[in-house]
Structures are given as C-alpha cells and as structure tokens.
Amino acid sequence: MYFVVLWMHICMRTNCVQLLLNELSKIPPCTLPTSPAGSTVQPMLTGVWKLLLAWYYRRSTPHSQCGVGKDTAKAFSLLEQAVECGNGEALLLLGTSYERGKGVRTDTTRAIALYQRAADAGIAEAFHHIANCYYFGRGVAKNVDKAAVLFQQAINAGHRASAYDLGICYRDGAGVVEDSKKAMELFYTAVMNEGCGSSEALAALGFCHLEGDGVSVVDVKTATKFLRLAAADKVTEAQEELDKIIHHARHH
C-alpha cells in the first residue's frame, strides 16, 4: 500500500496520472499461499489503484497539474469497479457519492446501504455517516437515540472525529442524558484527533468555557484561546464570538 501511495504522489507531482491508468492493466497476479487454488490478490491491488484514481478525479481542480481534471462521473465509475474488487474504502466513498450526488443522482437510501456494507467491512468512518443520516433524518426517519449509539460505535471502531458529534449529543441531551462534563471530555478527544471535527470541537470548547458549561467557572481567557484556534481554521461561529469578545473588551 505504501508504494501505491508513493507512486500516486509522484504522478500528481509530475503530470503522470495517465501512467496510473496504464498501470492498471499491468498489475501481475500473485497467488496467496493460504488462498484456494486459482484465487489471486490482483483484484485487491486493482481495487486500491482504482480507489486512488477515483479519489484523484473527485478532488482535482480545473487547473490541476496532474494530467487530468476533476471528473465526478469518472470517479463514480472507478469507485464501482473498486467495490467489485472488494475494496471497503470504496464502499464508503461510493456511499458519499450517492448521498451528495457526485457523479450520480442523489439516493440517500442507497448511500446508507453502502455505508452499512462499509461498516460491516470494518470501515470505522462508515458508522459516522450512518449516524449523521439518523441524526438529521436523511434517507431514514430521524432517530437521535440511534444516532448517539452509532456515534459511539464509530469512536469504538477508531473514528475519533465522531467524538465531537457525540459531544454535541451530550451537550444538548440528544439521544443521551444531558451531561456537559461528558460533552467536554468528548470535545477534547475530538481536538486530539487533529482532523475532521477538530476545528468545530475547538469552538465548542471555547463556548463551554465562555458559558460555564461543564466547567466550574466561566473562563474568558481560556475560551478566547480556543476560539482563536477555531477561527484560524475558519469556523465562522468562533470568529463571530471572538469579534464580540474583542469589541466588549475595547469598550469596557
């Protein structure tokens, strides 16, 4: 897998994405010692290639220097092929394609089915996507109780970014008993993730310290520190609150 990622990086740096397309047809079969006679790892390797190419086609820009431009329809086709090769991550991305209408007509019901298959394949983030669908009522009847359970399952499976969402549940008493201290703990967990959800968690911690939720006393200084970090990551609510704090300090 490391060499596949390295090759992808080189291609993206040198206008050689077309090489990836050519290499798809050259991956040699390699019979697994413990596999039944005739089975090979070629589908697995091909699935990885197609997943990486799909990721590229989804994220490329019109001014990309990597050989080809953004093409969500092409990405969708590659994801379908990767799924046929048994790639679990491709199941997740194919689900987001259906949920967001990327390269295909929006179909949230189909998206949830794919997320469930991805979760069954051990993809932790899939639990997060299913939880969001239940939390917001997308493609299924809104059920915050089930969403909270699924957010916890996502965390248990290794998707720490879901700690932010579960923290919101505890903060608001949505699907769980309201517990501001538990919410704070989860927000800190999400911040440690340094990925998706961490910026929002920084803002949430700022508001907790500013409003005295989950802490013994209001602490504007600490709140400002977290809000500044969140604002630097372009969290609008954090910047707006920070502006209010600065305005208040200047006029009092």
Protein backbone atom coordinates (compact mmCIF):
# COMPACT_ATOMS: atom_id res chain seq x y z
CA MET A 1 0.00 0.00 0.00
CA TYR A 2 2.88 2.36 0.81
CA PHE A 3 4.32 2.03 -2.69
CA VAL A 4 0.91 2.63 -4.26
CA VAL A 5 0.53 5.89 -2.31
CA LEU A 6 4.11 6.89 -3.16
CA TRP A 7 3.51 6.22 -6.84
CA MET A 8 0.31 8.28 -6.72
CA HIS A 9 2.21 11.15 -5.10
CA ILE A 10 4.90 11.07 -7.79
CA CYS A 11 2.29 11.06 -10.55
CA MET A 12 0.44 14.00 -9.02
CA ARG A 13 3.74 15.92 -8.94
CA THR A 14 4.85 15.11 -12.47
CA ASN A 15 1.82 15.23 -14.78
CA CYS A 16 1.84 11.44 -14.99
CA VAL A 17 -1.64 10.42 -13.85
CA GLN A 18 -2.12 8.78 -17.22
CA LEU A 19 0.61 6.36 -16.16
CA LEU A 20 -1.68 5.16 -13.41
CA LEU A 21 -4.36 4.36 -15.94
CA ASN A 22 -1.86 2.40 -17.99
CA GLU A 23 -0.54 0.52 -14.98
CA LEU A 24 -4.00 -0.76 -14.03
CA SER A 25 -3.75 -3.32 -16.81
CA LYS A 26 -0.24 -4.39 -15.82
CA ILE A 27 -0.67 -5.47 -12.20
CA PRO A 28 0.63 -9.05 -12.07
CA PRO A 29 -1.39 -11.75 -10.30
CA CYS A 30 0.12 -13.17 -7.14
CA THR A 31 -1.41 -16.34 -5.72
CA LEU A 32 -1.84 -16.24 -1.96
CA PRO A 33 -0.30 -19.25 -0.17
CA THR A 34 -3.39 -19.70 2.02
CA SER A 35 -5.98 -18.97 -0.68
CA PRO A 36 -7.98 -21.53 -2.66
CA ALA A 37 -6.45 -22.68 -5.92
CA GLY A 38 -6.82 -20.11 -8.67
CA SER A 39 -7.53 -17.09 -6.43
CA THR A 40 -5.18 -14.11 -6.60
CA VAL A 41 -4.53 -10.77 -4.95
CA GLN A 42 -4.85 -8.99 -8.28
CA PRO A 43 -8.45 -7.85 -7.56
CA MET A 44 -7.31 -6.38 -4.23
CA LEU A 45 -4.41 -4.49 -5.78
CA THR A 46 -6.51 -3.30 -8.69
CA GLY A 47 -9.13 -2.12 -6.18
CA VAL A 48 -6.52 0.03 -4.44
CA TRP A 49 -5.40 1.58 -7.72
CA LYS A 50 -8.95 2.36 -8.76
CA LEU A 51 -9.76 3.82 -5.35
CA LEU A 52 -6.78 6.17 -5.54
CA LEU A 53 -7.66 7.24 -9.05
CA ALA A 54 -11.27 7.84 -8.02
CA TRP A 55 -10.06 9.95 -5.10
CA TYR A 56 -7.96 11.98 -7.55
CA TYR A 57 -10.82 12.52 -10.03
CA ARG A 58 -13.12 13.64 -7.17
CA ARG A 59 -10.66 16.15 -5.73
CA SER A 60 -8.84 17.50 -8.77
CA THR A 61 -9.38 21.09 -9.90
CA PRO A 62 -9.83 22.60 -13.37
CA HIS A 63 -6.28 23.99 -13.12
CA SER A 64 -4.73 20.75 -11.88
CA GLN A 65 -1.17 20.00 -12.94
CA CYS A 66 -1.65 16.25 -12.56
CA GLY A 67 -2.65 15.30 -16.09
CA VAL A 68 -6.45 15.20 -15.91
CA GLY A 69 -9.17 17.39 -14.43
CA LYS A 70 -11.99 16.83 -11.99
CA ASP A 71 -14.49 14.28 -13.25
CA THR A 72 -17.05 13.03 -10.70
CA ALA A 73 -18.68 10.69 -13.22
CA LYS A 74 -15.32 9.04 -13.90
CA ALA A 75 -14.65 8.88 -10.17
CA PHE A 76 -18.00 7.19 -9.60
CA SER A 77 -17.27 4.57 -12.25
CA LEU A 78 -13.85 3.84 -10.73
CA LEU A 79 -15.39 3.50 -7.27
CA GLU A 80 -17.89 0.97 -8.57
CA GLN A 81 -15.03 -1.01 -10.06
CA ALA A 82 -13.06 -0.81 -6.81
CA VAL A 83 -16.09 -2.11 -4.90
CA GLU A 84 -16.28 -5.04 -7.31
CA CYS A 85 -12.66 -5.76 -6.34
CA GLY A 86 -13.69 -5.93 -2.68
CA ASN A 87 -12.33 -2.57 -1.51
CA GLY A 88 -14.08 -1.45 1.69
CA GLU A 89 -12.95 2.18 1.50
CA ALA A 90 -14.52 2.37 -1.96
CA LEU A 91 -17.85 1.35 -0.42
CA LEU A 92 -17.64 4.38 1.85
CA LEU A 93 -16.78 6.81 -0.97
CA LEU A 94 -19.44 5.33 -3.21
CA GLY A 95 -21.91 5.94 -0.40
CA THR A 96 -20.90 9.60 -0.18
CA SER A 97 -21.28 9.84 -3.97
CA TYR A 98 -24.90 8.73 -3.69
CA GLU A 99 -25.58 10.90 -0.64
CA ARG A 100 -24.11 14.06 -2.20
CA GLY A 101 -24.95 13.41 -5.84
CA LYS A 102 -21.34 13.26 -7.02
CA GLY A 103 -21.30 11.61 -10.43
CA VAL A 104 -24.69 10.03 -9.88
CA ARG A 105 -28.24 11.02 -8.97
CA THR A 106 -28.69 11.54 -5.21
CA ASP A 107 -30.04 8.44 -3.48
CA THR A 108 -29.67 8.57 0.30
CA THR A 109 -31.29 5.18 0.82
CA ARG A 110 -28.68 3.60 -1.44
CA ALA A 111 -25.98 5.58 0.35
CA ILE A 112 -26.99 4.20 3.75
CA ALA A 113 -26.95 0.65 2.38
CA LEU A 114 -23.39 1.19 1.13
CA TYR A 115 -22.34 2.75 4.44
CA GLN A 116 -23.67 -0.32 6.23
CA ARG A 117 -21.68 -2.62 3.95
CA ALA A 118 -18.59 -0.50 4.61
CA ALA A 119 -19.21 -0.70 8.37
CA ASP A 120 -19.57 -4.47 8.10
CA ALA A 121 -16.23 -4.48 6.26
CA GLY A 122 -14.59 -2.73 9.22
CA ILE A 123 -14.54 0.87 7.98
CA ALA A 124 -14.96 2.93 11.16
CA GLU A 125 -15.99 6.15 9.39
CA ALA A 126 -19.00 4.38 7.90
CA PHE A 127 -20.65 4.31 11.34
CA HIS A 128 -20.21 8.09 11.47
CA HIS A 129 -22.02 8.59 8.16
CA ILE A 130 -24.90 6.31 9.17
CA ALA A 131 -25.16 8.16 12.48
CA ASN A 132 -25.40 11.51 10.69
CA CYS A 133 -28.20 10.17 8.50
CA TYR A 134 -30.20 9.19 11.59
CA TYR A 135 -29.31 12.40 13.45
CA PHE A 136 -30.54 14.65 10.63
CA GLY A 137 -33.18 12.31 9.20
CA ARG A 138 -31.54 11.91 5.80
CA GLY A 139 -32.90 8.86 3.97
CA VAL A 140 -34.32 7.46 7.21
CA ALA A 141 -36.68 8.64 9.93
CA LYS A 142 -34.86 10.95 12.33
CA ASN A 143 -33.72 9.00 15.39
CA VAL A 144 -31.22 10.77 17.66
CA ASP A 145 -31.16 7.83 20.06
CA LYS A 146 -29.85 5.54 17.33
CA ALA A 147 -27.52 8.27 16.08
CA ALA A 148 -25.89 8.58 19.52
CA VAL A 149 -25.34 4.81 19.65
CA LEU A 150 -23.79 4.85 16.19
CA PHE A 151 -21.50 7.78 17.01
CA GLN A 152 -20.24 5.75 19.98
CA GLN A 153 -19.73 2.72 17.72
CA ALA A 154 -17.73 4.89 15.34
CA ILE A 155 -15.48 6.04 18.21
CA ASN A 156 -15.06 2.47 19.45
CA ALA A 157 -14.08 1.41 15.94
CA GLY A 158 -11.39 4.08 15.81
CA HIS A 159 -13.09 7.13 14.27
CA ARG A 160 -12.20 9.67 16.95
CA ALA A 161 -13.65 12.59 14.98
CA SER A 162 -17.09 11.24 15.93
CA ALA A 163 -16.30 12.31 19.49
CA TYR A 164 -17.31 15.85 18.50
CA ASP A 165 -20.72 14.71 17.28
CA LEU A 166 -21.32 12.57 20.37
CA GLY A 167 -20.22 15.53 22.46
CA ILE A 168 -22.95 17.61 20.84
CA CYS A 169 -25.43 14.87 21.74
CA TYR A 170 -24.37 15.01 25.40
CA ARG A 171 -24.32 18.80 25.41
CA ASP A 172 -27.86 19.03 24.02
CA GLY A 173 -29.28 15.88 25.60
CA ALA A 174 -29.99 14.42 22.14
CA GLY A 175 -30.34 10.64 22.37
CA VAL A 176 -28.49 10.57 25.71
CA VAL A 177 -28.91 12.12 29.13
CA GLU A 178 -27.58 15.70 29.06
CA ASP A 179 -24.11 15.79 30.57
CA SER A 180 -21.98 18.88 29.96
CA LYS A 181 -18.88 17.37 31.59
CA LYS A 182 -19.07 14.31 29.35
CA ALA A 183 -19.51 16.64 26.39
CA MET A 184 -16.32 18.49 27.36
CA GLU A 185 -14.37 15.22 27.56
CA LEU A 186 -15.56 14.24 24.11
CA PHE A 187 -14.71 17.63 22.64
CA TYR A 188 -11.17 17.27 23.99
CA THR A 189 -10.97 13.81 22.42
CA ALA A 190 -12.03 15.27 19.08
CA VAL A 191 -9.44 18.05 19.34
CA MET A 192 -6.71 15.45 19.83
CA ASN A 193 -7.84 13.87 16.55
CA GLU A 194 -6.37 16.80 14.57
CA GLY A 195 -8.65 16.04 11.65
CA CYS A 196 -12.28 16.26 10.65
CA GLY A 197 -14.32 17.73 13.50
CA SER A 198 -11.36 19.03 15.49
CA SER A 199 -11.90 22.67 14.46
CA GLU A 200 -15.56 22.54 15.48
CA ALA A 201 -14.53 20.87 18.74
CA LEU A 202 -12.15 23.75 19.46
CA ALA A 203 -15.03 26.17 19.00
CA ALA A 204 -17.26 24.04 21.22
CA LEU A 205 -14.63 24.07 23.97
CA GLY A 206 -14.39 27.83 23.63
CA PHE A 207 -18.14 28.22 24.12
CA CYS A 208 -18.10 25.79 27.06
CA HIS A 209 -15.51 27.90 28.90
CA LEU A 210 -17.26 31.11 27.90
CA GLU A 211 -20.68 29.98 29.12
CA GLY A 212 -19.57 27.84 32.06
CA ASP A 213 -20.84 24.55 30.63
CA GLY A 214 -19.00 21.54 32.01
CA VAL A 215 -16.55 23.73 33.93
CA SER A 216 -16.67 25.14 37.45
CA VAL A 217 -16.29 28.80 36.45
CA VAL A 218 -16.51 30.97 33.35
CA ASP A 219 -13.04 31.48 31.91
CA VAL A 220 -12.95 34.09 29.16
CA LYS A 221 -9.18 33.83 28.74
CA THR A 222 -9.29 30.09 28.05
CA ALA A 223 -12.40 30.50 25.92
CA THR A 224 -10.62 33.11 23.80
CA LYS A 225 -7.66 30.77 23.28
CA PHE A 226 -9.89 28.00 21.90
CA LEU A 227 -11.97 30.40 19.83
CA ARG A 228 -8.83 31.87 18.24
CA LEU A 229 -7.65 28.40 17.24
CA ALA A 230 -11.07 27.57 15.78
CA ALA A 231 -11.28 30.92 13.97
CA ALA A 232 -7.86 30.25 12.43
CA ASP A 233 -9.42 27.09 10.96
CA LYS A 234 -12.23 29.23 9.50
CA VAL A 235 -15.00 28.27 11.93
CA THR A 236 -17.42 31.16 11.36
CA GLU A 237 -19.17 30.96 14.74
CA ALA A 238 -15.85 31.13 16.54
CA GLN A 239 -14.74 34.22 14.64
CA GLU A 240 -18.06 35.94 15.28
CA GLU A 241 -17.88 35.26 19.02
CA LEU A 242 -14.25 36.31 19.11
CA ASP A 243 -15.18 39.63 17.48
CA LYS A 244 -17.82 40.17 20.19
CA ILE A 245 -15.28 39.49 22.95
CA ILE A 246 -12.75 41.89 21.43
CA HIS A 247 -15.41 44.58 20.92
CA HIS A 248 -16.59 44.21 24.50
CA ALA A 249 -13.02 44.43 25.85
CA ARG A 250 -12.35 47.62 23.89
CA HIS A 251 -15.45 49.41 25.13
CA HIS A 252 -15.41 48.39 28.79
